[in-house]
C-alpha atoms as a PDB file:
ATOM      1  CA  MET A   1      71.362 100.279 152.613  1.00  0.00           C
ATOM      2  CA  VAL A   2      74.276 100.335 154.519  1.00  0.00           C
ATOM      3  CA  MET A   3      77.240 102.729 153.464  1.00  0.00           C
ATOM      4  CA  SER A   4      80.920 102.477 154.687  1.00  0.00           C
ATOM      5  CA  GLN A   5      82.410 105.411 156.827  1.00  0.00           C
ATOM      6  CA  GLU A   6      84.768 106.172 154.040  1.00  0.00           C
ATOM      7  CA  SER A   7      82.086 106.709 151.412  1.00  0.00           C
ATOM      8  CA  ALA A   8      79.965 108.523 153.970  1.00  0.00           C
ATOM      9  CA  GLU A   9      82.951 110.777 154.288  1.00  0.00           C
ATOM     10  CA  VAL A  10      83.101 111.405 150.441  1.00  0.00           C
ATOM     11  CA  VAL A  11      79.530 112.472 150.841  1.00  0.00           C
ATOM     12  CA  GLY A  12      80.166 114.516 153.782  1.00  0.00           C
ATOM     13  CA  LEU A  13      83.052 116.437 151.918  1.00  0.00           C
ATOM     14  CA  LYS A  14      80.817 116.967 148.725  1.00  0.00           C
ATOM     15  CA  ALA A  15      78.435 118.664 151.212  1.00  0.00           C
ATOM     16  CA  LEU A  16      81.233 120.535 152.775  1.00  0.00           C
ATOM     17  CA  GLY A  17      82.230 121.716 149.411  1.00  0.00           C
ATOM     18  CA  TRP A  18      78.692 122.509 148.431  1.00  0.00           C
ATOM     19  CA  MET A  19      78.094 124.465 151.834  1.00  0.00           C
ATOM     20  CA  ALA A  20      81.230 126.566 151.289  1.00  0.00           C
ATOM     21  CA  GLY A  21      80.073 127.508 147.810  1.00  0.00           C
ATOM     22  CA  ASN A  22      76.606 128.539 148.948  1.00  0.00           C
ATOM     23  CA  GLU A  23      76.492 132.298 149.691  1.00  0.00           C
ATOM     24  CA  GLU A  24      73.030 132.195 151.081  1.00  0.00           C
ATOM     25  CA  LEU A  25      73.126 129.197 153.185  1.00  0.00           C
ATOM     26  CA  LEU A  26      76.803 129.338 154.534  1.00  0.00           C
ATOM     27  CA  PRO A  27      76.035 132.467 156.841  1.00  0.00           C
ATOM     28  CA  VAL A  28      72.887 130.544 158.165  1.00  0.00           C
ATOM     29  CA  PHE A  29      75.161 127.378 158.956  1.00  0.00           C
ATOM     30  CA  LEU A  30      77.697 129.306 160.815  1.00  0.00           C
ATOM     31  CA  GLY A  31      75.224 131.545 162.513  1.00  0.00           C
ATOM     32  CA  ALA A  32      73.262 128.198 163.696  1.00  0.00           C
ATOM     33  CA  THR A  33      76.405 126.281 164.889  1.00  0.00           C
ATOM     34  CA  GLY A  34      78.703 129.011 165.968  1.00  0.00           C
ATOM     35  CA  ALA A  35      81.294 127.562 163.498  1.00  0.00           C
ATOM     36  CA  SER A  36      83.881 129.836 161.988  1.00  0.00           C
ATOM     37  CA  GLU A  37      85.189 129.704 158.308  1.00  0.00           C
ATOM     38  CA  ALA A  38      88.236 128.124 160.213  1.00  0.00           C
ATOM     39  CA  ASP A  39      86.249 125.494 161.748  1.00  0.00           C
ATOM     40  CA  ILE A  40      84.876 124.439 158.489  1.00  0.00           C
ATOM     41  CA  ARG A  41      88.373 124.034 156.875  1.00  0.00           C
ATOM     42  CA  ALA A  42      89.309 121.909 159.771  1.00  0.00           C
ATOM     43  CA  GLY A  43      86.076 120.082 159.797  1.00  0.00           C
ATOM     44  CA  ALA A  44      87.130 118.292 156.385  1.00  0.00           C
ATOM     45  CA  SER A  45      89.166 116.013 158.294  1.00  0.00           C
ATOM     46  CA  ASP A  46      86.584 115.375 161.129  1.00  0.00           C
ATOM     47  CA  PRO A  47      83.833 112.783 160.442  1.00  0.00           C
ATOM     48  CA  ALA A  48      81.856 114.122 163.459  1.00  0.00           C
ATOM     49  CA  PHE A  49      81.883 117.590 161.790  1.00  0.00           C
ATOM     50  CA  LEU A  50      80.786 116.207 158.458  1.00  0.00           C
ATOM     51  CA  GLY A  51      78.149 114.246 160.255  1.00  0.00           C
ATOM     52  CA  ALA A  52      76.862 117.384 161.935  1.00  0.00           C
ATOM     53  CA  LEU A  53      76.897 119.263 158.600  1.00  0.00           C
ATOM     54  CA  LEU A  54      74.870 116.417 157.084  1.00  0.00           C
ATOM     55  CA  ASP A  55      72.447 116.822 160.114  1.00  0.00           C
ATOM     56  CA  PHE A  56      71.964 120.480 159.134  1.00  0.00           C
ATOM     57  CA  ILE A  57      71.490 120.000 155.583  1.00  0.00           C
ATOM     58  CA  MET A  58      68.872 117.354 156.318  1.00  0.00           C
ATOM     59  CA  MET A  59      66.792 119.870 158.282  1.00  0.00           C
ATOM     60  CA  ASP A  60      65.268 121.214 155.029  1.00  0.00           C
ATOM     61  CA  ASP A  61      64.366 119.224 152.102  1.00  0.00           C
ATOM     62  CA  ALA A  62      65.062 121.867 149.658  1.00  0.00           C
ATOM     63  CA  TRP A  63      68.722 122.082 150.961  1.00  0.00           C
ATOM     64  CA  VAL A  64      68.972 118.150 150.487  1.00  0.00           C
ATOM     65  CA  LYS A  65      67.492 118.358 146.870  1.00  0.00           C
ATOM     66  CA  ALA A  66      69.806 121.371 146.129  1.00  0.00           C
ATOM     67  CA  PHE A  67      72.718 119.597 147.535  1.00  0.00           C
ATOM     68  CA  CYS A  68      72.294 116.190 145.953  1.00  0.00           C
ATOM     69  CA  ASP A  69      71.422 117.733 142.429  1.00  0.00           C
ATOM     70  CA  THR A  70      74.600 119.620 142.569  1.00  0.00           C
ATOM     71  CA  ALA A  71      76.667 116.573 143.833  1.00  0.00           C
ATOM     72  CA  SER A  72      74.728 114.095 141.362  1.00  0.00           C
ATOM     73  CA  LEU A  73      73.447 112.033 144.315  1.00  0.00           C
ATOM     74  CA  ALA A  74      70.377 110.264 144.982  1.00  0.00           C
ATOM     75  CA  TYR A  75      68.206 112.287 147.598  1.00  0.00           C
ATOM     76  CA  ASP A  76      68.605 109.562 150.261  1.00  0.00           C
ATOM     77  CA  GLN A  77      72.371 109.256 150.036  1.00  0.00           C
ATOM     78  CA  PRO A  78      72.791 112.159 152.951  1.00  0.00           C
ATOM     79  CA  MET A  79      70.714 110.062 155.184  1.00  0.00           C
ATOM     80  CA  TYR A  80      72.726 106.964 154.614  1.00  0.00           C
ATOM     81  CA  ALA A  81      76.040 108.754 155.047  1.00  0.00           C
ATOM     82  CA  ARG A  82      74.759 110.489 158.140  1.00  0.00           C
ATOM     83  CA  THR A  83      74.084 106.966 159.589  1.00  0.00           C
ATOM     84  CA  ALA A  84      77.904 105.734 159.041  1.00  0.00           C
ATOM     85  CA  LEU A  85      79.545 108.943 160.578  1.00  0.00           C
ATOM     86  CA  PRO A  86      80.088 109.342 164.432  1.00  0.00           C
ATOM     87  CA  GLY A  87      76.758 110.258 166.186  1.00  0.00           C
ATOM     88  CA  GLY A  88      74.500 108.988 163.382  1.00  0.00           C
ATOM     89  CA  ASP A  89      73.066 106.120 165.172  1.00  0.00           C
ATOM     90  CA  GLN A  90      69.344 106.161 165.121  1.00  0.00           C
ATOM     91  CA  VAL A  91      67.789 106.623 168.437  1.00  0.00           C
ATOM     92  CA  HIS A  92      64.906 104.474 169.064  1.00  0.00           C
ATOM     93  CA  TRP A  93      62.585 106.079 171.968  1.00  0.00           C
ATOM     94  CA  THR A  94      60.360 102.942 172.459  1.00  0.00           C
END
């Protein structure tokens, strides 16, 4: 499945809203990335930031499930969105 960048940004914005409202995971994200709450607000208009946020969420299946369940998305949608955002090209090591 191929997703347009516009659709991917919508998924990223949903992820941003979910993350901002997640009192347990937000501090983990901020600590892991060094981002501030101001960076999160600014990141709403930055496709690369949204992609990095999706990368973070996809580090744990439980986070993917929680996000997708809240956003009413299929569990594969963050992955497809990530590939359509800057830096989401799959790396082939062979």
